[in-house]
Protein backbone atom coordinates (compact mmCIF):
# COMPACT_ATOMS: atom_id res chain seq x y z
CA UNK A 1 91.22 141.61 -133.61
CA UNK A 2 89.15 140.94 -130.51
CA UNK A 3 87.24 143.68 -128.75
CA UNK A 4 87.44 144.12 -124.98
CA UNK A 5 83.91 142.73 -124.71
CA UNK A 6 84.94 139.64 -126.70
CA UNK A 7 88.00 139.15 -124.50
CA UNK A 8 85.74 139.13 -121.47
CA UNK A 9 83.06 136.91 -123.06
CA UNK A 10 85.53 134.27 -124.21
CA UNK A 11 87.99 134.56 -121.31
CA UNK A 12 87.53 130.91 -120.25
CA UNK A 13 88.38 129.73 -123.78
CA UNK A 14 91.22 132.17 -124.36
CA UNK A 15 93.09 130.84 -121.31
CA UNK A 16 92.93 127.30 -122.68
CA UNK A 17 96.20 125.91 -124.09
CA UNK A 18 96.04 125.91 -127.87
CA UNK A 19 93.43 128.67 -128.16
CA UNK A 20 94.51 132.05 -126.80
CA UNK A 21 93.51 135.28 -128.52
CA UNK A 22 94.87 134.04 -131.84
CA UNK A 23 92.64 130.98 -131.75
CA UNK A 24 89.63 133.02 -130.71
CA UNK A 25 90.21 135.30 -133.69
CA UNK A 26 90.28 132.23 -135.94
CA UNK A 27 86.87 131.22 -134.60
CA UNK A 28 85.57 134.78 -135.00
CA UNK A 29 86.54 134.74 -138.69
CA UNK A 30 85.34 131.18 -139.36
CA UNK A 31 82.36 130.20 -141.48
CA UNK A 32 80.59 126.97 -140.49
CA UNK A 33 77.62 125.28 -142.15
CA UNK A 34 75.39 123.09 -140.00
CA UNK A 35 73.01 120.84 -141.92
CA UNK A 36 70.09 119.99 -139.67
CA UNK A 37 68.84 121.96 -136.67
CA UNK A 38 67.15 119.14 -134.77
CA UNK A 39 68.41 116.64 -132.21
CA UNK A 40 72.08 116.85 -133.20
CA UNK A 41 71.96 120.26 -134.81
CA UNK A 42 70.47 122.06 -131.80
CA UNK A 43 73.38 121.36 -129.41
CA UNK A 44 75.97 121.66 -132.18
CA UNK A 45 74.62 125.08 -133.13
CA UNK A 46 74.38 126.16 -129.50
CA UNK A 47 78.00 125.36 -128.72
CA UNK A 48 79.39 126.71 -132.00
CA UNK A 49 77.55 129.95 -131.29
CA UNK A 50 78.71 130.38 -127.70
CA UNK A 51 82.27 129.46 -128.76
CA UNK A 52 82.27 132.57 -130.96
CA UNK A 53 82.19 131.13 -134.49
CA UNK A 54 81.58 134.31 -136.45
CA UNK A 55 79.38 133.11 -139.29
CA UNK A 56 77.02 130.13 -139.24
CA UNK A 57 74.82 128.78 -142.02
CA UNK A 58 71.88 126.56 -141.09
CA UNK A 59 70.11 124.27 -143.56
CA UNK A 60 66.86 122.56 -142.61
CA UNK A 61 63.62 122.19 -144.55
CA UNK A 62 61.49 120.99 -141.61
CA UNK A 63 59.07 122.71 -139.29
CA UNK A 64 58.91 122.07 -135.55
CA UNK A 65 56.60 119.24 -134.48
CA UNK A 66 55.59 118.06 -131.01
CA UNK A 67 57.59 114.83 -131.36
CA UNK A 68 60.77 116.90 -131.80
CA UNK A 69 60.65 118.40 -128.34
CA UNK A 70 62.14 115.48 -126.40
CA UNK A 71 65.56 116.23 -127.89
CA UNK A 72 65.64 119.39 -130.05
CA UNK A 73 66.62 121.91 -127.41
CA UNK A 74 66.45 125.06 -129.55
CA UNK A 75 62.71 124.62 -130.10
CA UNK A 76 59.74 124.99 -127.72
CA UNK A 77 55.99 124.45 -127.71
CA UNK A 78 55.59 128.04 -128.89
CA UNK A 79 57.49 127.11 -132.08
CA UNK A 80 55.19 124.30 -133.26
CA UNK A 81 54.73 124.39 -137.06
CA UNK A 82 57.37 127.11 -137.31
CA UNK A 83 60.37 126.60 -139.65
CA UNK A 84 63.20 125.11 -137.60
CA UNK A 85 65.80 127.45 -139.08
CA UNK A 86 63.73 130.46 -138.03
CA UNK A 87 63.18 129.09 -134.53
CA UNK A 88 66.86 128.20 -134.15
CA UNK A 89 68.19 131.57 -135.26
CA UNK A 90 65.86 133.42 -132.90
CA UNK A 91 67.28 131.51 -129.91
CA UNK A 92 70.90 131.67 -131.08
CA UNK A 93 70.82 135.43 -131.67
CA UNK A 94 69.83 135.85 -128.03
CA UNK A 95 73.03 134.03 -127.06
CA UNK A 96 75.27 136.25 -129.20
CA UNK A 97 73.81 138.99 -131.37
CA UNK A 98 77.16 139.57 -133.11
CA UNK A 99 77.13 136.20 -134.89
CA UNK A 100 76.05 136.30 -138.55
CA UNK A 101 73.47 133.58 -139.20
CA UNK A 102 72.31 132.41 -142.61
CA UNK A 103 69.09 130.36 -142.24
CA UNK A 104 68.15 128.32 -145.32
CA UNK A 105 64.81 126.52 -145.28
CA UNK A 106 65.62 124.29 -148.23
CA UNK A 107 66.05 120.59 -148.87
CA UNK A 108 69.70 119.96 -149.67
CA UNK A 109 69.94 118.05 -152.95
CA UNK A 110 72.13 117.55 -156.00
CA UNK A 111 70.83 120.74 -157.61
CA UNK A 112 71.74 123.13 -154.80
CA UNK A 113 74.48 121.40 -152.77
CA UNK A 114 77.46 122.99 -154.50
CA UNK A 115 76.05 126.50 -154.22
CA UNK A 116 75.07 126.09 -150.55
CA UNK A 117 78.26 124.39 -149.34
CA UNK A 118 80.78 126.53 -151.23
CA UNK A 119 82.64 129.10 -149.15
CA UNK A 120 82.42 127.43 -145.75
CA UNK A 121 85.46 126.44 -143.69
CA UNK A 122 83.70 123.50 -142.05
CA UNK A 123 80.53 121.47 -142.47
CA UNK A 124 78.80 119.80 -139.52
CA UNK A 125 76.44 117.04 -140.63
CA UNK A 126 73.51 116.70 -138.23
CA UNK A 127 70.99 114.99 -140.50
CA UNK A 128 69.07 111.79 -139.83
CA UNK A 129 69.05 110.12 -143.25
CA UNK A 130 71.63 108.39 -145.40
CA UNK A 131 70.68 110.06 -148.68
CA UNK A 132 71.68 113.47 -147.35
CA UNK A 133 74.75 112.09 -145.54
CA UNK A 134 76.13 110.65 -148.78
CA UNK A 135 75.34 113.87 -150.63
CA UNK A 136 77.09 116.07 -148.04
CA UNK A 137 80.08 113.72 -147.94
CA UNK A 138 80.45 113.75 -151.72
CA UNK A 139 80.30 117.52 -152.05
CA UNK A 140 82.52 118.15 -149.03
CA UNK A 141 85.19 115.96 -150.64
CA UNK A 142 84.78 117.63 -154.04
CA UNK A 143 85.04 121.09 -152.53
CA UNK A 144 87.81 120.15 -150.08
CA UNK A 145 85.83 121.25 -147.01
CA UNK A 146 86.47 119.50 -143.66
CA UNK A 147 83.41 117.65 -142.39
CA UNK A 148 82.22 116.37 -139.03
CA UNK A 149 79.82 113.46 -139.40
CA UNK A 150 77.67 112.24 -136.52
CA UNK A 151 74.63 110.12 -135.82
CA UNK A 152 72.56 108.67 -132.99
CA UNK A 153 70.17 105.83 -132.30
CA UNK A 154 68.70 104.95 -128.92
CA UNK A 155 71.52 105.24 -126.40
CA UNK A 156 74.30 105.02 -128.98
CA UNK A 157 76.02 107.49 -131.25
CA UNK A 158 79.10 107.99 -133.40
CA UNK A 159 81.48 110.70 -134.64
CA UNK A 160 83.60 110.62 -137.81
CA UNK A 161 85.88 113.58 -138.64
CA UNK A 162 86.64 113.81 -142.37
CA UNK A 163 89.55 115.76 -143.88
CA UNK A 164 89.25 115.55 -147.68
CA UNK A 165 92.41 114.21 -149.28
CA UNK A 166 93.83 113.06 -145.96
CA UNK A 167 91.26 110.78 -144.34
CA UNK A 168 88.70 108.16 -145.33
CA UNK A 169 85.39 109.69 -146.35
CA UNK A 170 81.97 108.50 -145.22
CA UNK A 171 81.60 106.29 -148.29
CA UNK A 172 84.93 104.57 -147.57
CA UNK A 173 83.50 103.54 -144.21
CA UNK A 174 79.98 102.77 -145.43
CA UNK A 175 80.15 101.82 -149.14
CA UNK A 176 76.45 100.95 -149.23
CA UNK A 177 73.49 102.81 -147.80
CA UNK A 178 71.65 101.14 -144.99
CA UNK A 179 67.98 100.51 -145.55
CA UNK A 180 66.11 102.80 -143.20
CA UNK A 181 63.17 101.36 -141.31
CA UNK A 182 59.85 103.11 -141.73
CA UNK A 183 59.45 103.39 -137.95
CA UNK A 184 60.77 106.51 -136.17
CA UNK A 185 64.40 106.33 -135.06
CA UNK A 186 64.44 105.73 -131.28
CA UNK A 187 66.51 108.25 -129.36
CA UNK A 188 66.83 109.61 -125.84
CA UNK A 189 67.26 113.37 -125.88
CA UNK A 190 70.49 113.29 -123.89
CA UNK A 191 72.09 110.99 -126.46
CA UNK A 192 71.52 113.50 -129.23
CA UNK A 193 72.65 116.30 -126.93
CA UNK A 194 75.92 114.59 -126.08
CA UNK A 195 76.81 113.64 -129.66
CA UNK A 196 75.80 117.04 -131.05
CA UNK A 197 77.99 118.75 -128.46
CA UNK A 198 80.87 116.44 -129.39
CA UNK A 199 80.41 117.36 -133.06
CA UNK A 200 80.83 121.00 -132.06
CA UNK A 201 83.98 120.22 -130.05
CA UNK A 202 85.55 118.26 -132.91
CA UNK A 203 84.57 120.98 -135.38
CA UNK A 204 86.12 123.72 -133.25
CA UNK A 205 89.36 121.74 -132.97
CA UNK A 206 89.40 121.29 -136.75
CA UNK A 207 88.94 125.03 -137.28
CA UNK A 208 91.85 125.69 -134.93
CA UNK A 209 94.09 123.17 -136.70
CA UNK A 210 94.24 120.96 -133.64
CA UNK A 211 94.41 117.17 -133.68
CA UNK A 212 91.22 115.16 -134.09
CA UNK A 213 90.85 111.37 -134.46
CA UNK A 214 91.18 111.34 -138.26
CA UNK A 215 90.84 107.85 -139.70
CA UNK A 216 88.93 106.69 -136.65
CA UNK A 217 85.23 106.03 -136.23
CA UNK A 218 84.25 106.56 -132.60
CA UNK A 219 81.15 104.85 -131.20
CA UNK A 220 79.59 105.90 -127.90
CA UNK A 221 77.48 103.52 -125.81
CA UNK A 222 75.82 105.70 -123.21
CA UNK A 223 74.04 102.88 -121.36
CA UNK A 224 77.40 101.72 -120.02
CA UNK A 225 79.26 105.02 -120.48
CA UNK A 226 81.76 103.38 -122.82
CA UNK A 227 83.26 104.22 -126.18
CA UNK A 228 84.88 102.19 -128.94
CA UNK A 229 87.26 103.58 -131.55
CA UNK A 230 87.72 101.73 -134.82
CA UNK A 231 90.52 102.52 -137.26
CA UNK A 232 89.22 103.03 -140.79
CA UNK A 233 91.25 103.39 -143.97
CA UNK A 234 90.77 105.17 -147.27
CA UNK A 235 89.44 102.95 -150.02
CA UNK A 236 91.58 103.49 -153.14
CA UNK A 237 88.56 102.42 -155.19
CA UNK A 238 86.11 104.72 -153.40
CA UNK A 239 83.95 106.46 -156.04
CA UNK A 240 84.06 109.66 -153.97
CA UNK A 241 87.65 110.07 -152.72
CA UNK A 242 89.54 107.22 -154.42
CA UNK A 243 92.17 107.31 -157.13
CA UNK A 244 89.56 107.60 -159.88
CA UNK A 245 86.47 109.31 -158.42
CA UNK A 246 83.34 109.08 -160.51
CA UNK A 247 80.50 111.53 -161.08
CA UNK A 248 78.31 109.26 -159.01
CA UNK A 249 74.95 110.57 -157.85
CA UNK A 250 73.67 108.71 -154.79
């Protein structure tokens, strides 16, 4: 049940069609895991927090560096060399001290993924490498946890909502990993901000049981302010979500 203070804080959301007090209570009782607290993770975490998601886990092994500050809005110059999860939680608690945060400064891998992901209602993938994307996708499907996948490069980004058992998974869409260049990924801060915020919006709608573009990969081209939506289908032979999934380790 919402308190009077919560009714006032979330008034602008509660009056939205499809949310109301019942929807706000769903968000209050929800548990969301955000993997990555950088360019995508910062805005995603910000908007999940101010939306009133009651419990948020944050996984990130990195520390804040100067080159992060063009896009990672939860971190400042005062946070240089500080663990990102620690820096992020400090800022987020100032937004809403009632939210329960679980910072985890660990590298997500095959040995700890099941333990870390289990128990969450939603996973928001905000990482910048394919190895971790494939790992998160595989364990989200195994555990039956809805997943929001997103990525950015330059002035472009994408969103892919994944509902295990109902939609294509990330590996259906990208059967093979792309070879990552050794150079830094180019990105304008606003691109990461926009896509990270969209990940939060899609995630909130998934928590509320509202419609999201399942089975569609949405690309955003910010230079021309355009978007392209591509229909994607489940691969019956997918080693992750197909008819005969394997114990594949990416």
